[in-house]
Amino acid sequence: MACAVLCRAAKALIPRPDQAATAWRTGGGNRRVAARRKSGAIALVCCLTISAPTGLQAQTLTQALADTYSTNPQLLAQRALLRATDEQVPQALANWRPTVNFTGQAGYATTSEQTAHVAGLTDRIHRETRPNSLSLTATQPVYSGGRTVAQTSQAINTVEAARAQTLATETTVFQAVVQAYLDVVRDQALVEVNRNNVAVLRKQLDADVAARPPGAPGYARGGREPCRKQ
């Protein structure tokens, strides 16, 4: 019942081509025609929304929004920028944490010494050494002149700005998707209304041709189409 009322209201609100042409020639009717077209389109969208099945309705618009959220390159780039911006906060907080440096060295060395004695005798001594070393240094910053606090606050504000920019981008993209969806629904409804108008006009034309007496101007046998004047 509600769908039928909305459809009738849409047909009444949408101006016919002759009405739109008359308003254009007379002037001052552009706003009225645009307002009637807008109101009629809204009524048609509501009619289709009510008459469409719930599963099909959710699958169409919701799936379009979901696909946009997961595949739109503008949204993907903005979310990647947001993730990169989020890393600035832990980087700034890292200045409060201690820094540990670990250095290790391992090696192997061998030396040989030869000492001469009487009667051409010599002593040869071999030595093997392993010069291993280990160094561990820990540094804990206590006060940095407020630099760490300022960097942390700056990183947090940068992240908040990036989140707001991401939200604005998502809103813009989703509005474009919904507008495109409603435009398609509106155009489909207008096409259906125009088809109905064409069918009505054809019936009226056939009835007018059939009602004319034989031999009258515009009479056609069989009532198919009127005869054109030469």
C-alpha atoms as a PDB file:
ATOM      1  CA  MET A   1       0.000   0.000   0.000  1.00  0.00           C
ATOM      2  CA  ALA A   2       2.751   2.428   0.964  1.00  0.00           C
ATOM      3  CA  CYS A   3       4.701   1.553  -2.181  1.00  0.00           C
ATOM      4  CA  ALA A   4       1.687   2.249  -4.399  1.00  0.00           C
ATOM      5  CA  VAL A   5       1.106   5.622  -2.716  1.00  0.00           C
ATOM      6  CA  LEU A   6       4.758   6.584  -3.139  1.00  0.00           C
ATOM      7  CA  CYS A   7       4.775   5.541  -6.793  1.00  0.00           C
ATOM      8  CA  ARG A   8       1.658   7.603  -7.515  1.00  0.00           C
ATOM      9  CA  ALA A   9       3.201  10.555  -5.689  1.00  0.00           C
ATOM     10  CA  ALA A  10       6.377  10.171  -7.725  1.00  0.00           C
ATOM     11  CA  LYS A  11       4.460  10.177 -11.013  1.00  0.00           C
ATOM     12  CA  ALA A  12       2.574  13.279  -9.894  1.00  0.00           C
ATOM     13  CA  LEU A  13       5.706  15.095  -8.709  1.00  0.00           C
ATOM     14  CA  ILE A  14       7.966  14.390 -11.679  1.00  0.00           C
ATOM     15  CA  PRO A  15       7.113  16.968 -14.368  1.00  0.00           C
ATOM     16  CA  ARG A  16       6.285  15.779 -17.831  1.00  0.00           C
ATOM     17  CA  PRO A  17       8.447  16.936 -20.736  1.00  0.00           C
ATOM     18  CA  ASP A  18       5.786  19.398 -21.919  1.00  0.00           C
ATOM     19  CA  GLN A  19       5.543  20.921 -18.430  1.00  0.00           C
ATOM     20  CA  ALA A  20       9.300  21.274 -18.164  1.00  0.00           C
ATOM     21  CA  ALA A  21       9.490  22.903 -21.604  1.00  0.00           C
ATOM     22  CA  THR A  22       6.692  25.337 -20.713  1.00  0.00           C
ATOM     23  CA  ALA A  23       8.426  26.295 -17.462  1.00  0.00           C
ATOM     24  CA  TRP A  24      11.677  26.826 -19.337  1.00  0.00           C
ATOM     25  CA  ARG A  25      10.059  29.079 -21.969  1.00  0.00           C
ATOM     26  CA  THR A  26       8.098  31.155 -19.468  1.00  0.00           C
ATOM     27  CA  GLY A  27      11.064  31.574 -17.118  1.00  0.00           C
ATOM     28  CA  GLY A  28      11.078  31.410 -13.336  1.00  0.00           C
ATOM     29  CA  GLY A  29      10.005  27.798 -13.294  1.00  0.00           C
ATOM     30  CA  ASN A  30      13.453  26.197 -13.141  1.00  0.00           C
ATOM     31  CA  ARG A  31      13.481  26.000  -9.376  1.00  0.00           C
ATOM     32  CA  ARG A  32       9.962  24.592  -9.226  1.00  0.00           C
ATOM     33  CA  VAL A  33      10.768  21.956 -11.847  1.00  0.00           C
ATOM     34  CA  ALA A  34      14.009  21.019 -10.092  1.00  0.00           C
ATOM     35  CA  ALA A  35      12.229  20.783  -6.741  1.00  0.00           C
ATOM     36  CA  ARG A  36       9.507  18.564  -8.221  1.00  0.00           C
ATOM     37  CA  ARG A  37      12.094  16.324  -9.868  1.00  0.00           C
ATOM     38  CA  LYS A  38      14.019  16.000  -6.618  1.00  0.00           C
ATOM     39  CA  SER A  39      10.880  15.203  -4.611  1.00  0.00           C
ATOM     40  CA  GLY A  40       9.747  12.686  -7.204  1.00  0.00           C
ATOM     41  CA  ALA A  41      13.139  10.980  -7.246  1.00  0.00           C
ATOM     42  CA  ILE A  42      13.109  10.688  -3.455  1.00  0.00           C
ATOM     43  CA  ALA A  43       9.635   9.165  -3.574  1.00  0.00           C
ATOM     44  CA  LEU A  44      10.723   6.671  -6.218  1.00  0.00           C
ATOM     45  CA  VAL A  45      13.769   5.655  -4.197  1.00  0.00           C
ATOM     46  CA  CYS A  46      11.585   5.130  -1.130  1.00  0.00           C
ATOM     47  CA  CYS A  47       9.146   3.079  -3.208  1.00  0.00           C
ATOM     48  CA  LEU A  48      11.895   0.802  -4.501  1.00  0.00           C
ATOM     49  CA  THR A  49      13.417   0.533  -1.029  1.00  0.00           C
ATOM     50  CA  ILE A  50      10.121  -0.617   0.447  1.00  0.00           C
ATOM     51  CA  SER A  51       9.260  -2.998  -2.368  1.00  0.00           C
ATOM     52  CA  ALA A  52      12.717  -4.581  -2.664  1.00  0.00           C
ATOM     53  CA  PRO A  53      13.411  -7.772  -0.687  1.00  0.00           C
ATOM     54  CA  THR A  54      15.485  -7.319   2.451  1.00  0.00           C
ATOM     55  CA  GLY A  55      18.215  -9.760   1.418  1.00  0.00           C
ATOM     56  CA  LEU A  56      18.601  -8.230  -2.036  1.00  0.00           C
ATOM     57  CA  GLN A  57      18.576  -4.730  -0.606  1.00  0.00           C
ATOM     58  CA  ALA A  58      21.331  -5.498   1.934  1.00  0.00           C
ATOM     59  CA  GLN A  59      23.348  -7.393  -0.654  1.00  0.00           C
ATOM     60  CA  THR A  60      23.289  -4.526  -3.117  1.00  0.00           C
ATOM     61  CA  LEU A  61      24.135  -1.433  -1.087  1.00  0.00           C
ATOM     62  CA  THR A  62      25.988  -3.086   1.784  1.00  0.00           C
ATOM     63  CA  GLN A  63      28.139  -5.155  -0.535  1.00  0.00           C
ATOM     64  CA  ALA A  64      28.954  -2.067  -2.576  1.00  0.00           C
ATOM     65  CA  LEU A  65      30.086  -0.247   0.558  1.00  0.00           C
ATOM     66  CA  ALA A  66      32.071  -3.267   1.740  1.00  0.00           C
ATOM     67  CA  ASP A  67      33.811  -3.638  -1.618  1.00  0.00           C
ATOM     68  CA  THR A  68      34.611   0.057  -1.623  1.00  0.00           C
ATOM     69  CA  TYR A  69      36.085  -0.129   1.863  1.00  0.00           C
ATOM     70  CA  SER A  70      38.340  -3.053   0.977  1.00  0.00           C
ATOM     71  CA  THR A  71      39.358  -2.179  -2.604  1.00  0.00           C
ATOM     72  CA  ASN A  72      39.195   1.595  -3.047  1.00  0.00           C
ATOM     73  CA  PRO A  73      42.785   2.801  -3.665  1.00  0.00           C
ATOM     74  CA  GLN A  74      42.164   6.138  -2.000  1.00  0.00           C
ATOM     75  CA  LEU A  75      40.996   4.489   1.219  1.00  0.00           C
ATOM     76  CA  LEU A  76      43.833   1.951   1.126  1.00  0.00           C
ATOM     77  CA  ALA A  77      46.427   4.706   0.726  1.00  0.00           C
ATOM     78  CA  GLN A  78      44.893   6.751   3.534  1.00  0.00           C
ATOM     79  CA  ARG A  79      44.844   3.776   5.911  1.00  0.00           C
ATOM     80  CA  ALA A  80      48.469   2.970   5.064  1.00  0.00           C
ATOM     81  CA  LEU A  81      49.389   6.577   5.844  1.00  0.00           C
ATOM     82  CA  LEU A  82      47.540   6.312   9.152  1.00  0.00           C
ATOM     83  CA  ARG A  83      49.436   3.151  10.115  1.00  0.00           C
ATOM     84  CA  ALA A  84      52.739   4.842   9.312  1.00  0.00           C
ATOM     85  CA  THR A  85      51.717   7.861  11.376  1.00  0.00           C
ATOM     86  CA  ASP A  86      50.780   5.658  14.345  1.00  0.00           C
ATOM     87  CA  GLU A  87      54.385   4.483  14.558  1.00  0.00           C
ATOM     88  CA  GLN A  88      55.513   7.974  15.536  1.00  0.00           C
ATOM     89  CA  VAL A  89      54.040   7.594  19.029  1.00  0.00           C
ATOM     90  CA  PRO A  90      56.114   4.544  20.112  1.00  0.00           C
ATOM     91  CA  GLN A  91      59.147   6.144  18.491  1.00  0.00           C
ATOM     92  CA  ALA A  92      58.667   9.240  20.632  1.00  0.00           C
ATOM     93  CA  LEU A  93      58.040   7.185  23.777  1.00  0.00           C
ATOM     94  CA  ALA A  94      61.230   5.224  23.126  1.00  0.00           C
ATOM     95  CA  ASN A  95      63.238   8.221  24.346  1.00  0.00           C
ATOM     96  CA  TRP A  96      62.090   7.404  27.900  1.00  0.00           C
ATOM     97  CA  ARG A  97      63.386   3.857  27.739  1.00  0.00           C
ATOM     98  CA  PRO A  98      66.969   2.780  28.469  1.00  0.00           C
ATOM     99  CA  THR A  99      69.461   2.104  25.713  1.00  0.00           C
ATOM    100  CA  VAL A 100      71.554  -1.074  25.964  1.00  0.00           C
ATOM    101  CA  ASN A 101      74.681  -1.584  23.848  1.00  0.00           C
ATOM    102  CA  PHE A 102      76.247  -5.026  23.653  1.00  0.00           C
ATOM    103  CA  THR A 103      79.638  -5.587  22.051  1.00  0.00           C
ATOM    104  CA  GLY A 104      81.484  -8.870  21.827  1.00  0.00           C
ATOM    105  CA  GLN A 105      84.783  -9.890  20.249  1.00  0.00           C
ATOM    106  CA  ALA A 106      86.382 -13.294  19.825  1.00  0.00           C
ATOM    107  CA  GLY A 107      89.684 -14.196  18.268  1.00  0.00           C
ATOM    108  CA  TYR A 108      92.570 -16.646  18.097  1.00  0.00           C
ATOM    109  CA  ALA A 109      96.297 -15.777  17.987  1.00  0.00           C
ATOM    110  CA  THR A 110      99.491 -17.828  17.957  1.00  0.00           C
ATOM    111  CA  THR A 111     103.120 -16.708  18.478  1.00  0.00           C
ATOM    112  CA  SER A 112     106.416 -18.468  18.115  1.00  0.00           C
ATOM    113  CA  GLU A 113     109.749 -17.486  19.772  1.00  0.00           C
ATOM    114  CA  GLN A 114     113.161 -18.960  19.016  1.00  0.00           C
ATOM    115  CA  THR A 115     116.221 -18.541  21.343  1.00  0.00           C
ATOM    116  CA  ALA A 116     119.829 -19.366  20.252  1.00  0.00           C
ATOM    117  CA  HIS A 117     122.136 -21.350  22.561  1.00  0.00           C
ATOM    118  CA  VAL A 118     125.732 -22.706  22.414  1.00  0.00           C
ATOM    119  CA  ALA A 119     126.824 -25.385  20.011  1.00  0.00           C
ATOM    120  CA  GLY A 120     124.172 -24.329  17.479  1.00  0.00           C
ATOM    121  CA  LEU A 121     121.282 -25.390  19.651  1.00  0.00           C
ATOM    122  CA  THR A 122     118.071 -23.295  19.748  1.00  0.00           C
ATOM    123  CA  ASP A 123     114.891 -23.250  21.793  1.00  0.00           C
ATOM    124  CA  ARG A 124     111.554 -22.612  20.091  1.00  0.00           C
ATOM    125  CA  ILE A 125     108.473 -21.732  22.122  1.00  0.00           C
ATOM    126  CA  HIS A 126     104.931 -21.614  20.704  1.00  0.00           C
ATOM    127  CA  ARG A 127     102.175 -19.663  22.425  1.00  0.00           C
ATOM    128  CA  GLU A 128      98.433 -19.698  21.615  1.00  0.00           C
ATOM    129  CA  THR A 129      96.111 -16.981  22.891  1.00  0.00           C
ATOM    130  CA  ARG A 130      92.362 -16.297  22.558  1.00  0.00           C
ATOM    131  CA  PRO A 131      91.689 -12.565  22.894  1.00  0.00           C
ATOM    132  CA  ASN A 132      87.977 -12.647  23.770  1.00  0.00           C
ATOM    133  CA  SER A 133      86.199  -9.558  25.076  1.00  0.00           C
ATOM    134  CA  LEU A 134      82.662  -8.608  26.082  1.00  0.00           C
ATOM    135  CA  SER A 135      81.278  -5.120  26.647  1.00  0.00           C
ATOM    136  CA  LEU A 136      77.816  -4.206  27.933  1.00  0.00           C
ATOM    137  CA  THR A 137      76.660  -0.595  28.310  1.00  0.00           C
ATOM    138  CA  ALA A 138      73.241   0.569  29.551  1.00  0.00           C
ATOM    139  CA  THR A 139      72.097   4.197  29.378  1.00  0.00           C
ATOM    140  CA  GLN A 140      68.955   5.520  31.052  1.00  0.00           C
ATOM    141  CA  PRO A 141      67.932   9.105  30.196  1.00  0.00           C
ATOM    142  CA  VAL A 142      66.748  10.990  33.265  1.00  0.00           C
ATOM    143  CA  TYR A 143      66.094  14.468  31.924  1.00  0.00           C
ATOM    144  CA  SER A 144      66.243  15.726  28.351  1.00  0.00           C
ATOM    145  CA  GLY A 145      65.038  19.274  28.776  1.00  0.00           C
ATOM    146  CA  GLY A 146      61.398  18.473  27.909  1.00  0.00           C
ATOM    147  CA  ARG A 147      62.264  17.227  24.423  1.00  0.00           C
ATOM    148  CA  THR A 148      60.712  13.785  24.928  1.00  0.00           C
ATOM    149  CA  VAL A 149      57.460  15.238  26.266  1.00  0.00           C
ATOM    150  CA  ALA A 150      57.221  17.627  23.331  1.00  0.00           C
ATOM    151  CA  GLN A 151      57.949  14.921  20.777  1.00  0.00           C
ATOM    152  CA  THR A 152      55.337  12.608  22.325  1.00  0.00           C
ATOM    153  CA  SER A 153      52.696  15.331  22.319  1.00  0.00           C
ATOM    154  CA  GLN A 154      53.513  16.189  18.714  1.00  0.00           C
ATOM    155  CA  ALA A 155      53.255  12.542  17.651  1.00  0.00           C
ATOM    156  CA  ILE A 156      49.866  12.137  19.373  1.00  0.00           C
ATOM    157  CA  ASN A 157      48.490  15.281  17.719  1.00  0.00           C
ATOM    158  CA  THR A 158      49.792  14.100  14.343  1.00  0.00           C
ATOM    159  CA  VAL A 159      48.022  10.760  14.781  1.00  0.00           C
ATOM    160  CA  GLU A 160      44.756  12.472  15.730  1.00  0.00           C
ATOM    161  CA  ALA A 161      44.981  14.667  12.638  1.00  0.00           C
ATOM    162  CA  ALA A 162      45.642  11.629  10.447  1.00  0.00           C
ATOM    163  CA  ARG A 163      42.626   9.842  11.942  1.00  0.00           C
ATOM    164  CA  ALA A 164      40.401  12.836  11.266  1.00  0.00           C
ATOM    165  CA  GLN A 165      41.688  12.984   7.698  1.00  0.00           C
ATOM    166  CA  THR A 166      41.001   9.270   7.264  1.00  0.00           C
ATOM    167  CA  LEU A 167      37.460   9.699   8.567  1.00  0.00           C
ATOM    168  CA  ALA A 168      36.862  12.610   6.192  1.00  0.00           C
ATOM    169  CA  THR A 169      38.182  10.575   3.257  1.00  0.00           C
ATOM    170  CA  GLU A 170      35.977   7.609   4.129  1.00  0.00           C
ATOM    171  CA  THR A 171      32.941   9.877   4.471  1.00  0.00           C
ATOM    172  CA  THR A 172      33.572  11.459   1.078  1.00  0.00           C
ATOM    173  CA  VAL A 173      34.077   8.124  -0.677  1.00  0.00           C
ATOM    174  CA  PHE A 174      31.046   6.490   0.959  1.00  0.00           C
ATOM    175  CA  GLN A 175      28.853   9.467   0.103  1.00  0.00           C
ATOM    176  CA  ALA A 176      29.924   9.139  -3.525  1.00  0.00           C
ATOM    177  CA  VAL A 177      29.086   5.418  -3.472  1.00  0.00           C
ATOM    178  CA  VAL A 178      25.649   5.978  -1.936  1.00  0.00           C
ATOM    179  CA  GLN A 179      24.935   8.826  -4.349  1.00  0.00           C
ATOM    180  CA  ALA A 180      25.877   6.647  -7.307  1.00  0.00           C
ATOM    181  CA  TYR A 181      23.661   3.850  -5.966  1.00  0.00           C
ATOM    182  CA  LEU A 182      20.697   6.188  -5.542  1.00  0.00           C
ATOM    183  CA  ASP A 183      21.294   7.655  -8.997  1.00  0.00           C
ATOM    184  CA  VAL A 184      21.083   4.178 -10.510  1.00  0.00           C
ATOM    185  CA  VAL A 185      17.899   3.397  -8.595  1.00  0.00           C
ATOM    186  CA  ARG A 186      16.393   6.737  -9.611  1.00  0.00           C
ATOM    187  CA  ASP A 187      17.310   6.286 -13.267  1.00  0.00           C
ATOM    188  CA  GLN A 188      15.866   2.779 -13.315  1.00  0.00           C
ATOM    189  CA  ALA A 189      12.637   4.075 -11.818  1.00  0.00           C
ATOM    190  CA  LEU A 190      12.486   6.939 -14.315  1.00  0.00           C
ATOM    191  CA  VAL A 191      13.018   4.511 -17.184  1.00  0.00           C
ATOM    192  CA  GLU A 192      10.122   2.398 -15.914  1.00  0.00           C
ATOM    193  CA  VAL A 193       7.898   5.470 -15.572  1.00  0.00           C
ATOM    194  CA  ASN A 194       8.793   6.580 -19.108  1.00  0.00           C
ATOM    195  CA  ARG A 195       8.017   3.109 -20.446  1.00  0.00           C
ATOM    196  CA  ASN A 196       4.605   3.235 -18.801  1.00  0.00           C
ATOM    197  CA  ASN A 197       3.994   6.679 -20.298  1.00  0.00           C
ATOM    198  CA  VAL A 198       4.946   5.417 -23.748  1.00  0.00           C
ATOM    199  CA  ALA A 199       2.610   2.445 -23.370  1.00  0.00           C
ATOM    200  CA  VAL A 200      -0.267   4.726 -22.319  1.00  0.00           C
ATOM    201  CA  LEU A 201       0.362   7.081 -25.232  1.00  0.00           C
ATOM    202  CA  ARG A 202       0.413   4.162 -27.662  1.00  0.00           C
ATOM    203  CA  LYS A 203      -2.915   2.924 -26.360  1.00  0.00           C
ATOM    204  CA  GLN A 204      -4.404   6.400 -26.628  1.00  0.00           C
ATOM    205  CA  LEU A 205      -3.090   6.720 -30.166  1.00  0.00           C
ATOM    206  CA  ASP A 206      -4.511   3.340 -31.187  1.00  0.00           C
ATOM    207  CA  ALA A 207      -7.855   4.202 -29.620  1.00  0.00           C
ATOM    208  CA  ASP A 208      -7.952   7.572 -31.393  1.00  0.00           C
ATOM    209  CA  VAL A 209      -7.088   6.017 -34.743  1.00  0.00           C
ATOM    210  CA  ALA A 210      -9.652   3.262 -34.301  1.00  0.00           C
ATOM    211  CA  ALA A 211     -12.387   5.757 -33.415  1.00  0.00           C
ATOM    212  CA  ARG A 212     -11.987   7.779 -36.618  1.00  0.00           C
ATOM    213  CA  PRO A 213     -14.504   6.973 -39.393  1.00  0.00           C
ATOM    214  CA  PRO A 214     -13.266   5.441 -42.638  1.00  0.00           C
ATOM    215  CA  GLY A 215     -12.000   8.018 -45.083  1.00  0.00           C
ATOM    216  CA  ALA A 216     -11.322  10.626 -42.392  1.00  0.00           C
ATOM    217  CA  PRO A 217      -7.917  12.347 -42.361  1.00  0.00           C
ATOM    218  CA  GLY A 218      -5.421  10.223 -40.499  1.00  0.00           C
ATOM    219  CA  TYR A 219      -7.485   7.038 -40.843  1.00  0.00           C
ATOM    220  CA  ALA A 220      -5.504   3.818 -41.159  1.00  0.00           C
ATOM    221  CA  ARG A 221      -6.852   0.366 -41.827  1.00  0.00           C
ATOM    222  CA  GLY A 222      -6.433  -2.019 -38.965  1.00  0.00           C
ATOM    223  CA  GLY A 223      -5.810   0.821 -36.525  1.00  0.00           C
ATOM    224  CA  ARG A 224      -2.077   0.296 -36.595  1.00  0.00           C
ATOM    225  CA  GLU A 225      -0.807   3.812 -37.217  1.00  0.00           C
ATOM    226  CA  PRO A 226      -2.359   7.032 -38.485  1.00  0.00           C
ATOM    227  CA  CYS A 227      -1.910   8.134 -42.058  1.00  0.00           C
ATOM    228  CA  ARG A 228       0.388  11.081 -42.427  1.00  0.00           C
ATOM    229  CA  LYS A 229      -0.689  14.101 -44.406  1.00  0.00           C
ATOM    230  CA  GLN A 230       1.296  14.683 -47.528  1.00  0.00           C
END
